[in-house]
């Protein structure tokens, strides 16, 4: 049996969630179908391929060790039929009861009990993770209902839901991954491993890492001491920045809510060439433009629903990946973030973009390890028991830290296929933090920008109107930047 340490941030995500706020991220991929049976065939393909992807066999369990571990065991083998076989006989089976860990339950556990192990499930069965649903007229409406359901914490925390289209010429797949299992980049890698094989250049072999000893190399002690002092200073700086960020908060009640346990999703597609034209006219980066579009859409949406945008400048958390290329252990979350004020109250669209650009430039100058957005880095300084006991409290405090999540998920430039059916669109869906009514995720795929919106279903019944506002804001910026 092989075991690896669970990263502190992974452990934090595992303990933050509650029944009303599961911490899974997702992606809704829409495929063109060659036949009405393409969706069912895709479900069989996903199930037959899942056992061969080691990361999909990883489950998380509680341990008595002071540090969490990741273990690896053999997978269950099974034969499959192309259609109508054992897969379709159990598809749609309801999920087993998910285990929730509220603070009261955590406090009843022995004090030595605080870690969690990531290991390969010895009884891994893809049938527990793949669902084939009835034909859907609206993929996003179906995805919203599926996003409400927590993942089963006793099994590898991921699912794939196949949604055939009523039109017979399309189908969608909703991939759900717990944030403790994978961040956006890792989730993309796991989902892509289930797609049709592609002829890609072979990856360069990674250099072997020297095993860490029980005691540090004496020659490295001064460096370790300086690093520890630097970490303390960085933690104090982050804490002070978080405290300052809560002062003079100018947000909107529409972005906060009491949890209802319901979810809505919506998607918007924009042309990447249009985004580049805006960027070249005003300056900055593509990401600056995409964030400014969110600010303008929020302004239109708030004004139309009667909440008003006057004086509103909500705090947006912009996650930043700290993962190094070709890392030897890509499973763990490696995240920091930038915290910026979205200039929702600014009337001029070009001025909004310039304000977003200036705010992002200030964050980049400071670096992703400083400022209020870097709170995720503090997870490394919390022992496992602290994550166990403090997770529910940290989750409830999210609304004090930021008002809306705006995250970008990188996607490959090449086209993906499943069963020969091309992937035409993919909408990333971010976790919704407790107390928040909205989260925005953005990806670019094959020359198009995809916005994925996730909202509390009771707090934001008009999510489709916000989606239209995103499209309208792109057009507004294009017109404003025209010569």
Protein backbone atom coordinates (compact mmCIF):
# COMPACT_ATOMS: atom_id res chain seq x y z
CA UNK A 1 0.00 0.00 0.00
CA UNK A 2 1.43 3.37 -1.04
CA UNK A 3 0.63 6.58 0.81
CA UNK A 4 1.27 10.28 0.10
CA UNK A 5 0.65 13.37 2.17
CA UNK A 6 -2.53 15.30 1.54
CA UNK A 7 -1.65 18.97 0.96
CA UNK A 8 -2.84 21.34 3.72
CA UNK A 9 -5.01 23.30 1.29
CA UNK A 10 -6.65 20.07 0.10
CA UNK A 11 -7.44 19.24 3.73
CA UNK A 12 -8.91 22.71 4.18
CA UNK A 13 -11.25 22.25 1.20
CA UNK A 14 -12.27 18.84 2.54
CA UNK A 15 -13.32 20.31 5.87
CA UNK A 16 -14.85 23.60 4.72
CA UNK A 17 -17.83 22.11 2.93
CA UNK A 18 -21.26 21.51 4.42
CA UNK A 19 -24.43 19.85 3.16
CA UNK A 20 -25.65 23.18 1.71
CA UNK A 21 -22.26 24.14 0.32
CA UNK A 22 -20.42 21.20 -1.23
CA UNK A 23 -16.90 22.13 -2.35
CA UNK A 24 -16.92 20.54 -5.79
CA UNK A 25 -15.97 22.30 -8.98
CA UNK A 26 -17.33 21.17 -12.32
CA UNK A 27 -17.25 21.57 -16.07
CA UNK A 28 -20.14 21.20 -18.48
CA UNK A 29 -18.94 20.01 -21.87
CA UNK A 30 -21.31 20.13 -24.85
CA UNK A 31 -20.62 17.70 -27.71
CA UNK A 32 -22.01 17.42 -31.22
CA UNK A 33 -23.62 13.99 -31.56
CA UNK A 34 -23.25 11.75 -34.59
CA UNK A 35 -26.41 9.83 -33.65
CA UNK A 36 -29.20 9.86 -31.02
CA UNK A 37 -27.38 6.99 -29.25
CA UNK A 38 -24.13 8.96 -28.94
CA UNK A 39 -24.81 9.97 -25.32
CA UNK A 40 -25.36 6.40 -24.14
CA UNK A 41 -22.27 5.27 -26.00
CA UNK A 42 -20.28 8.10 -24.39
CA UNK A 43 -21.39 6.95 -20.93
CA UNK A 44 -20.13 3.43 -21.65
CA UNK A 45 -16.81 4.82 -22.89
CA UNK A 46 -16.34 6.96 -19.78
CA UNK A 47 -17.01 3.99 -17.50
CA UNK A 48 -14.70 1.67 -19.43
CA UNK A 49 -11.84 4.19 -19.37
CA UNK A 50 -12.16 5.48 -15.80
CA UNK A 51 -10.41 2.52 -14.14
CA UNK A 52 -7.27 3.20 -16.18
CA UNK A 53 -6.90 6.77 -14.80
CA UNK A 54 -5.15 6.54 -11.41
CA UNK A 55 -6.35 9.94 -10.21
CA UNK A 56 -9.99 8.90 -10.60
CA UNK A 57 -9.55 5.99 -8.19
CA UNK A 58 -8.41 8.26 -5.37
CA UNK A 59 -10.69 8.48 -2.36
CA UNK A 60 -10.25 10.46 0.87
CA UNK A 61 -10.64 8.92 4.29
CA UNK A 62 -10.11 9.97 7.89
CA UNK A 63 -6.93 8.79 9.58
CA UNK A 64 -5.54 8.76 13.09
CA UNK A 65 -2.10 9.89 11.99
CA UNK A 66 -1.19 13.50 12.78
CA UNK A 67 -0.54 14.05 9.07
CA UNK A 68 -2.87 13.10 6.19
CA UNK A 69 -1.82 10.46 3.66
CA UNK A 70 -2.56 9.43 0.10
CA UNK A 71 -2.57 5.68 -0.60
CA UNK A 72 -2.70 3.58 -3.76
CA UNK A 73 -4.33 0.17 -4.23
CA UNK A 74 -5.39 -1.91 -7.27
CA UNK A 75 -8.60 -1.02 -9.11
CA UNK A 76 -11.60 -3.27 -9.68
CA UNK A 77 -11.73 -4.90 -13.12
CA UNK A 78 -15.00 -5.31 -15.02
CA UNK A 79 -16.17 -6.15 -18.54
CA UNK A 80 -18.40 -3.77 -20.51
CA UNK A 81 -20.96 -3.87 -23.26
CA UNK A 82 -21.00 -1.14 -25.90
CA UNK A 83 -24.70 -0.44 -25.30
CA UNK A 84 -27.37 -1.91 -23.07
CA UNK A 85 -24.87 -3.74 -20.85
CA UNK A 86 -24.28 -3.58 -17.11
CA UNK A 87 -23.73 0.18 -17.25
CA UNK A 88 -27.21 1.07 -18.45
CA UNK A 89 -28.82 -1.36 -16.03
CA UNK A 90 -27.84 0.74 -13.03
CA UNK A 91 -27.44 4.24 -14.45
CA UNK A 92 -29.48 6.82 -12.58
CA UNK A 93 -29.12 4.96 -9.29
CA UNK A 94 -29.33 7.57 -6.47
CA UNK A 95 -26.17 8.52 -4.67
CA UNK A 96 -25.41 6.92 -1.34
CA UNK A 97 -25.76 9.21 1.65
CA UNK A 98 -22.93 11.73 1.71
CA UNK A 99 -21.09 12.21 4.97
CA UNK A 100 -21.12 15.76 6.25
CA UNK A 101 -18.85 17.11 8.98
CA UNK A 102 -20.33 20.12 10.76
CA UNK A 103 -18.35 21.71 13.52
CA UNK A 104 -20.38 20.05 16.26
CA UNK A 105 -19.48 16.64 14.87
CA UNK A 106 -15.83 17.61 14.55
CA UNK A 107 -15.70 18.65 18.19
CA UNK A 108 -16.94 15.22 19.28
CA UNK A 109 -13.95 13.51 17.66
CA UNK A 110 -10.84 12.62 19.69
CA UNK A 111 -8.27 15.42 19.63
CA UNK A 112 -5.67 13.19 17.94
CA UNK A 113 -8.05 12.73 15.02
CA UNK A 114 -7.50 15.42 12.44
CA UNK A 115 -5.99 14.11 9.22
CA UNK A 116 -7.37 12.63 6.04
CA UNK A 117 -5.77 10.20 3.61
CA UNK A 118 -6.03 10.23 -0.16
CA UNK A 119 -5.81 6.62 -1.32
CA UNK A 120 -6.95 4.45 -4.20
CA UNK A 121 -10.30 2.82 -3.46
CA UNK A 122 -9.80 -0.99 -3.42
CA UNK A 123 -13.45 -1.43 -4.45
CA UNK A 124 -13.44 1.25 -7.11
CA UNK A 125 -16.33 0.72 -9.51
CA UNK A 126 -16.91 3.24 -12.33
CA UNK A 127 -20.62 2.43 -12.21
CA UNK A 128 -20.79 4.41 -8.96
CA UNK A 129 -19.50 7.53 -10.71
CA UNK A 130 -21.04 7.59 -14.19
CA UNK A 131 -24.72 8.49 -14.68
CA UNK A 132 -26.70 8.42 -17.90
CA UNK A 133 -29.77 10.65 -17.62
CA UNK A 134 -32.95 11.10 -19.60
CA UNK A 135 -32.76 13.47 -22.60
CA UNK A 136 -32.56 17.11 -21.55
CA UNK A 137 -33.95 20.16 -23.32
CA UNK A 138 -31.72 22.57 -21.35
CA UNK A 139 -28.27 21.34 -20.34
CA UNK A 140 -27.68 24.19 -17.89
CA UNK A 141 -30.99 23.63 -16.09
CA UNK A 142 -30.06 19.98 -15.61
CA UNK A 143 -26.52 20.91 -14.52
CA UNK A 144 -27.87 23.26 -11.86
CA UNK A 145 -29.89 20.48 -10.26
CA UNK A 146 -26.90 18.14 -10.35
CA UNK A 147 -24.61 20.76 -8.80
CA UNK A 148 -26.83 20.79 -5.72
CA UNK A 149 -25.97 17.19 -4.87
CA UNK A 150 -22.91 16.63 -2.66
CA UNK A 151 -20.39 14.05 -3.77
CA UNK A 152 -20.25 10.79 -1.87
CA UNK A 153 -17.38 11.24 0.60
CA UNK A 154 -16.99 7.48 1.09
CA UNK A 155 -15.92 7.02 -2.56
CA UNK A 156 -13.51 8.81 -4.90
CA UNK A 157 -15.08 12.29 -4.90
CA UNK A 158 -15.96 12.80 -8.54
CA UNK A 159 -18.85 12.09 -10.91
CA UNK A 160 -19.63 12.32 -14.61
CA UNK A 161 -23.24 12.90 -15.68
CA UNK A 162 -24.12 12.28 -19.33
CA UNK A 163 -27.07 14.33 -20.60
CA UNK A 164 -28.37 13.36 -24.06
CA UNK A 165 -29.98 16.25 -25.91
CA UNK A 166 -33.65 16.10 -26.82
CA UNK A 167 -32.67 17.30 -30.29
CA UNK A 168 -30.70 14.07 -30.92
CA UNK A 169 -27.74 15.99 -32.37
CA UNK A 170 -25.95 16.90 -29.14
CA UNK A 171 -25.19 15.66 -25.66
CA UNK A 172 -23.45 17.11 -22.63
CA UNK A 173 -21.23 15.71 -19.90
CA UNK A 174 -21.08 17.33 -16.47
CA UNK A 175 -17.84 16.43 -14.67
CA UNK A 176 -17.83 17.10 -10.92
CA UNK A 177 -14.62 16.97 -8.85
CA UNK A 178 -14.18 17.74 -5.19
CA UNK A 179 -11.71 20.58 -4.71
CA UNK A 180 -9.76 18.37 -2.30
CA UNK A 181 -9.19 15.90 -5.13
CA UNK A 182 -8.28 18.39 -7.85
CA UNK A 183 -8.07 22.09 -8.64
CA UNK A 184 -9.20 23.37 -12.03
CA UNK A 185 -6.01 22.40 -13.85
CA UNK A 186 -5.86 18.94 -12.31
CA UNK A 187 -9.58 18.37 -12.97
CA UNK A 188 -8.99 19.25 -16.62
CA UNK A 189 -6.20 16.69 -16.81
CA UNK A 190 -8.38 13.96 -15.30
CA UNK A 191 -11.35 14.70 -17.56
CA UNK A 192 -9.14 14.90 -20.66
CA UNK A 193 -7.76 11.45 -19.84
CA UNK A 194 -11.25 10.06 -20.49
CA UNK A 195 -11.52 11.61 -23.94
CA UNK A 196 -10.52 9.86 -27.17
CA UNK A 197 -6.77 9.19 -27.50
CA UNK A 198 -4.81 11.79 -29.42
CA UNK A 199 -1.40 11.75 -31.07
CA UNK A 200 0.52 14.24 -28.94
CA UNK A 201 4.27 14.80 -28.51
CA UNK A 202 5.76 12.64 -25.80
CA UNK A 203 6.40 14.47 -22.54
CA UNK A 204 9.98 14.85 -21.36
CA UNK A 205 10.90 12.60 -18.45
CA UNK A 206 10.90 14.37 -15.12
CA UNK A 207 14.10 14.38 -13.06
CA UNK A 208 13.94 12.12 -10.05
CA UNK A 209 13.62 13.89 -6.72
CA UNK A 210 15.84 12.98 -3.83
CA UNK A 211 13.85 11.49 -0.93
CA UNK A 212 13.60 13.82 2.03
CA UNK A 213 15.43 12.71 5.13
CA UNK A 214 14.10 12.79 8.67
CA UNK A 215 16.43 15.65 9.55
CA UNK A 216 17.38 18.62 7.35
CA UNK A 217 20.81 18.89 5.80
CA UNK A 218 22.95 20.85 8.27
CA UNK A 219 24.20 23.01 5.41
CA UNK A 220 20.62 24.11 4.75
CA UNK A 221 19.75 25.14 8.32
CA UNK A 222 20.45 28.89 7.86
CA UNK A 223 18.33 28.86 4.71
CA UNK A 224 15.51 27.03 6.52
CA UNK A 225 15.59 29.53 9.40
CA UNK A 226 15.41 32.47 7.00
CA UNK A 227 12.52 30.74 5.19
CA UNK A 228 10.62 30.19 8.44
CA UNK A 229 11.03 33.85 9.46
CA UNK A 230 9.94 34.94 6.01
CA UNK A 231 6.83 32.72 6.29
CA UNK A 232 5.92 34.32 9.62
CA UNK A 233 6.29 37.79 8.17
CA UNK A 234 4.23 36.83 5.12
CA UNK A 235 1.46 35.37 7.30
CA UNK A 236 1.29 38.57 9.37
CA UNK A 237 1.17 40.67 6.19
CA UNK A 238 -1.67 38.56 4.76
CA UNK A 239 -3.62 38.76 8.01
CA UNK A 240 -3.28 42.52 8.16
CA UNK A 241 -4.33 42.84 4.51
CA UNK A 242 -7.43 40.73 5.14
CA UNK A 243 -8.38 42.95 8.07
CA UNK A 244 -7.97 46.08 5.94
CA UNK A 245 -10.01 44.56 3.10
CA UNK A 246 -13.08 44.32 5.35
CA UNK A 247 -13.04 48.09 5.95
CA UNK A 248 -15.15 50.42 3.83
CA UNK A 249 -16.92 47.49 2.14
CA UNK A 250 -19.03 48.70 -0.78
CA UNK A 251 -20.87 45.67 -2.06
CA UNK A 252 -24.44 44.73 -2.92
CA UNK A 253 -26.87 42.60 -0.91
CA UNK A 254 -27.57 40.74 -4.17
CA UNK A 255 -24.14 39.07 -3.88
CA UNK A 256 -24.82 37.67 -0.41
CA UNK A 257 -27.51 35.27 0.76
CA UNK A 258 -28.53 32.71 3.33
CA UNK A 259 -27.85 29.23 1.92
CA UNK A 260 -30.82 27.58 0.24
CA UNK A 261 -29.01 24.46 -0.96
CA UNK A 262 -30.21 25.10 -4.52
CA UNK A 263 -28.12 25.88 -7.59
CA UNK A 264 -28.57 27.45 -11.01
CA UNK A 265 -26.01 27.52 -13.77
CA UNK A 266 -25.75 29.49 -17.00
CA UNK A 267 -23.21 29.80 -19.78
CA UNK A 268 -22.05 32.55 -22.13
CA UNK A 269 -19.83 32.23 -25.20
CA UNK A 270 -17.81 35.12 -26.66
CA UNK A 271 -15.35 35.37 -29.54
CA UNK A 272 -11.74 35.49 -28.36
CA UNK A 273 -10.83 37.70 -31.33
CA UNK A 274 -13.24 40.33 -30.02
CA UNK A 275 -11.54 40.19 -26.63
CA UNK A 276 -8.14 40.66 -28.27
CA UNK A 277 -9.43 43.70 -30.18
CA UNK A 278 -10.57 45.28 -26.92
CA UNK A 279 -7.25 44.46 -25.26
CA UNK A 280 -5.22 45.99 -28.08
CA UNK A 281 -7.31 49.16 -27.98
CA UNK A 282 -7.17 49.77 -24.23
CA UNK A 283 -4.10 47.78 -23.13
CA UNK A 284 -3.67 45.23 -20.39
CA UNK A 285 -4.20 41.50 -20.68
CA UNK A 286 -6.96 39.23 -21.91
CA UNK A 287 -7.73 38.41 -18.29
CA UNK A 288 -8.17 42.11 -17.50
CA UNK A 289 -10.79 42.36 -20.24
CA UNK A 290 -12.61 39.24 -19.06
CA UNK A 291 -12.77 40.55 -15.48
CA UNK A 292 -13.94 43.97 -16.66
CA UNK A 293 -16.76 42.26 -18.58
CA UNK A 294 -17.92 40.72 -15.29
CA UNK A 295 -17.89 44.15 -13.62
CA UNK A 296 -19.96 45.71 -16.41
CA UNK A 297 -22.40 42.80 -16.44
CA UNK A 298 -22.91 43.09 -12.69
CA UNK A 299 -23.65 46.80 -13.09
CA UNK A 300 -26.36 46.18 -15.72
CA UNK A 301 -27.82 43.26 -13.78
CA UNK A 302 -28.01 45.15 -10.46
CA UNK A 303 -29.61 48.20 -12.07
CA UNK A 304 -32.19 46.12 -13.94
CA UNK A 305 -33.26 44.09 -10.92
CA UNK A 306 -33.60 47.25 -8.83
CA UNK A 307 -30.69 46.72 -6.44
CA UNK A 308 -28.72 49.59 -7.96
CA UNK A 309 -25.03 49.88 -8.77
CA UNK A 310 -24.37 53.32 -7.27
CA UNK A 311 -21.41 53.15 -4.88
CA UNK A 312 -20.99 49.39 -5.40
CA UNK A 313 -17.43 48.03 -5.65
CA UNK A 314 -17.54 44.37 -4.58
CA UNK A 315 -14.37 42.49 -3.69
CA UNK A 316 -13.53 39.88 -6.31
CA UNK A 317 -11.19 37.00 -5.48
CA UNK A 318 -9.04 36.10 -8.51
CA UNK A 319 -7.30 32.74 -7.82
CA UNK A 320 -3.70 32.40 -8.98
CA UNK A 321 -2.11 29.00 -9.58
CA UNK A 322 1.28 28.50 -7.91
CA UNK A 323 1.85 25.13 -9.53
CA UNK A 324 5.17 24.85 -11.29
CA UNK A 325 5.26 23.26 -14.76
CA UNK A 326 6.01 19.52 -14.79
CA UNK A 327 5.59 19.27 -11.06
CA UNK A 328 6.23 15.78 -9.74
CA UNK A 329 3.08 15.73 -7.59
CA UNK A 330 0.30 17.55 -9.48
CA UNK A 331 -2.60 16.30 -7.35
CA UNK A 332 -2.40 18.88 -4.57
CA UNK A 333 -3.90 22.35 -4.76
CA UNK A 334 -1.29 25.08 -5.20
CA UNK A 335 -3.30 28.28 -5.07
CA UNK A 336 -2.98 31.90 -4.01
CA UNK A 337 -5.06 34.81 -5.21
CA UNK A 338 -5.53 38.50 -5.88
CA UNK A 339 -8.28 40.54 -4.26
CA UNK A 340 -9.55 43.52 -6.27
CA UNK A 341 -12.48 45.91 -6.13
CA UNK A 342 -14.70 45.53 -9.17
CA UNK A 343 -15.57 49.08 -10.38
CA UNK A 344 -19.26 48.27 -10.77
CA UNK A 345 -20.19 51.86 -9.94
CA UNK A 346 -18.16 53.27 -12.84
CA UNK A 347 -20.45 54.26 -15.73
CA UNK A 348 -17.91 54.32 -18.57
CA UNK A 349 -17.00 50.80 -19.83
CA UNK A 350 -13.49 51.78 -20.93
CA UNK A 351 -12.86 53.47 -17.59
CA UNK A 352 -14.01 50.28 -15.85
CA UNK A 353 -11.49 48.27 -17.85
CA UNK A 354 -8.69 50.70 -17.02
CA UNK A 355 -9.52 50.50 -13.31
CA UNK A 356 -9.48 46.70 -13.43
CA UNK A 357 -6.15 46.77 -15.27
CA UNK A 358 -4.63 49.13 -12.67
CA UNK A 359 -5.85 46.96 -9.79
CA UNK A 360 -4.47 43.79 -11.36
CA UNK A 361 -1.14 45.51 -12.08
CA UNK A 362 -0.85 46.49 -8.40
CA UNK A 363 -1.50 42.92 -7.34
CA UNK A 364 1.04 41.53 -9.80
CA UNK A 365 3.66 44.03 -8.63
CA UNK A 366 3.14 42.85 -5.04
CA UNK A 367 3.15 39.19 -6.10
CA UNK A 368 0.76 36.31 -5.35
CA UNK A 369 2.27 35.69 -1.92
CA UNK A 370 1.23 39.05 -0.47
CA UNK A 371 -2.06 40.77 0.18
CA UNK A 372 -5.56 39.73 1.24
CA UNK A 373 -6.02 37.43 -1.73
CA UNK A 374 -3.24 35.12 -0.54
CA UNK A 375 -5.20 33.69 2.40
CA UNK A 376 -4.98 30.19 0.89
CA UNK A 377 -1.25 30.23 1.65
CA UNK A 378 -2.03 30.26 5.37
CA UNK A 379 -3.35 26.70 5.09
CA UNK A 380 0.25 25.48 5.16
CA UNK A 381 0.63 26.88 8.70
CA UNK A 382 -2.45 25.13 10.16
CA UNK A 383 -2.11 21.60 11.63
CA UNK A 384 -4.57 18.91 10.46
CA UNK A 385 -6.63 19.13 13.65
CA UNK A 386 -6.96 22.87 13.10
CA UNK A 387 -8.44 22.25 9.66
CA UNK A 388 -10.83 19.71 11.16
CA UNK A 389 -12.12 22.03 13.86
CA UNK A 390 -11.83 25.35 12.06
CA UNK A 391 -13.01 24.35 8.57
CA UNK A 392 -16.72 25.08 9.13
CA UNK A 393 -15.88 28.44 10.71
CA UNK A 394 -13.56 29.42 7.85
CA UNK A 395 -16.24 28.48 5.33
CA UNK A 396 -18.83 30.70 7.01
CA UNK A 397 -16.33 33.60 7.10
CA UNK A 398 -15.84 33.62 3.32
CA UNK A 399 -18.34 36.45 2.82
CA UNK A 400 -16.24 38.66 5.12
CA UNK A 401 -13.20 38.09 2.92
CA UNK A 402 -14.60 38.52 -0.60
CA UNK A 403 -17.94 38.99 -2.38
CA UNK A 404 -17.61 37.08 -5.65
CA UNK A 405 -15.18 34.54 -7.08
CA UNK A 406 -13.91 35.20 -10.62
CA UNK A 407 -11.57 32.43 -11.72
CA UNK A 408 -9.94 31.40 -15.01
CA UNK A 409 -9.43 27.75 -15.98
CA UNK A 410 -6.88 26.97 -18.73
CA UNK A 411 -8.00 24.60 -21.47
CA UNK A 412 -5.99 22.98 -24.27
CA UNK A 413 -5.90 24.61 -27.69
CA UNK A 414 -6.53 21.34 -29.50
CA UNK A 415 -9.98 19.84 -30.00
CA UNK A 416 -11.22 17.02 -27.76
CA UNK A 417 -13.55 14.19 -28.76
CA UNK A 418 -15.55 11.53 -26.96
CA UNK A 419 -16.60 8.53 -29.01
CA UNK A 420 -15.66 10.49 -32.12
CA UNK A 421 -18.06 13.30 -31.16
CA UNK A 422 -16.32 16.71 -31.02
CA UNK A 423 -16.40 18.88 -27.93
CA UNK A 424 -17.84 22.20 -29.06
CA UNK A 425 -18.12 24.15 -25.80
CA UNK A 426 -17.00 23.73 -22.22
CA UNK A 427 -18.30 25.84 -19.32
CA UNK A 428 -16.26 25.73 -16.08
CA UNK A 429 -18.32 25.88 -12.89
CA UNK A 430 -16.69 27.05 -9.65
CA UNK A 431 -17.63 26.12 -6.08
CA UNK A 432 -20.05 28.52 -4.41
CA UNK A 433 -18.73 29.70 -1.04
CA UNK A 434 -21.06 29.90 1.98
CA UNK A 435 -22.91 33.18 2.10
CA UNK A 436 -22.25 33.95 -1.57
CA UNK A 437 -24.95 34.04 -4.20
CA UNK A 438 -22.69 33.98 -7.30
CA UNK A 439 -19.42 32.54 -8.63
CA UNK A 440 -17.93 33.07 -12.10
CA UNK A 441 -15.47 30.82 -13.93
CA UNK A 442 -13.94 31.56 -17.34
CA UNK A 443 -12.14 29.40 -19.89
CA UNK A 444 -10.93 29.79 -23.46
CA UNK A 445 -11.29 26.88 -25.86
CA UNK A 446 -10.58 26.86 -29.58
CA UNK A 447 -10.88 30.60 -30.15
CA UNK A 448 -13.89 31.17 -27.91
CA UNK A 449 -14.35 32.40 -24.36
CA UNK A 450 -16.74 30.45 -22.14
CA UNK A 451 -18.22 32.01 -18.99
CA UNK A 452 -19.70 29.55 -16.52
CA UNK A 453 -22.02 31.10 -13.91
CA UNK A 454 -23.06 29.32 -10.72
CA UNK A 455 -25.59 30.86 -8.33
CA UNK A 456 -27.75 30.07 -5.35
CA UNK A 457 -31.03 29.14 -7.01
CA UNK A 458 -33.23 30.97 -4.51
CA UNK A 459 -31.12 34.14 -4.32
CA UNK A 460 -30.55 34.51 -8.08
CA UNK A 461 -33.64 33.28 -9.95
CA UNK A 462 -32.70 35.66 -12.78
CA UNK A 463 -29.28 34.17 -13.55
CA UNK A 464 -30.15 34.04 -17.26
CA UNK A 465 -30.49 37.83 -17.20
CA UNK A 466 -26.97 38.13 -15.79
CA UNK A 467 -25.74 35.81 -18.56
CA UNK A 468 -27.29 38.10 -21.16
CA UNK A 469 -25.63 41.07 -19.46
CA UNK A 470 -22.24 39.39 -19.95
CA UNK A 471 -22.87 39.09 -23.70
CA UNK A 472 -24.13 42.67 -23.86
CA UNK A 473 -21.07 43.98 -22.02
CA UNK A 474 -18.73 42.39 -24.58
CA UNK A 475 -20.65 44.18 -27.33
CA UNK A 476 -20.57 47.43 -25.33
CA UNK A 477 -16.79 47.27 -25.00
CA UNK A 478 -16.35 46.47 -28.68
CA UNK A 479 -18.43 49.52 -29.61
CA UNK A 480 -16.59 51.73 -27.10
CA UNK A 481 -13.21 50.67 -28.47
CA UNK A 482 -14.14 51.03 -32.12
CA UNK A 483 -12.05 53.66 -34.00
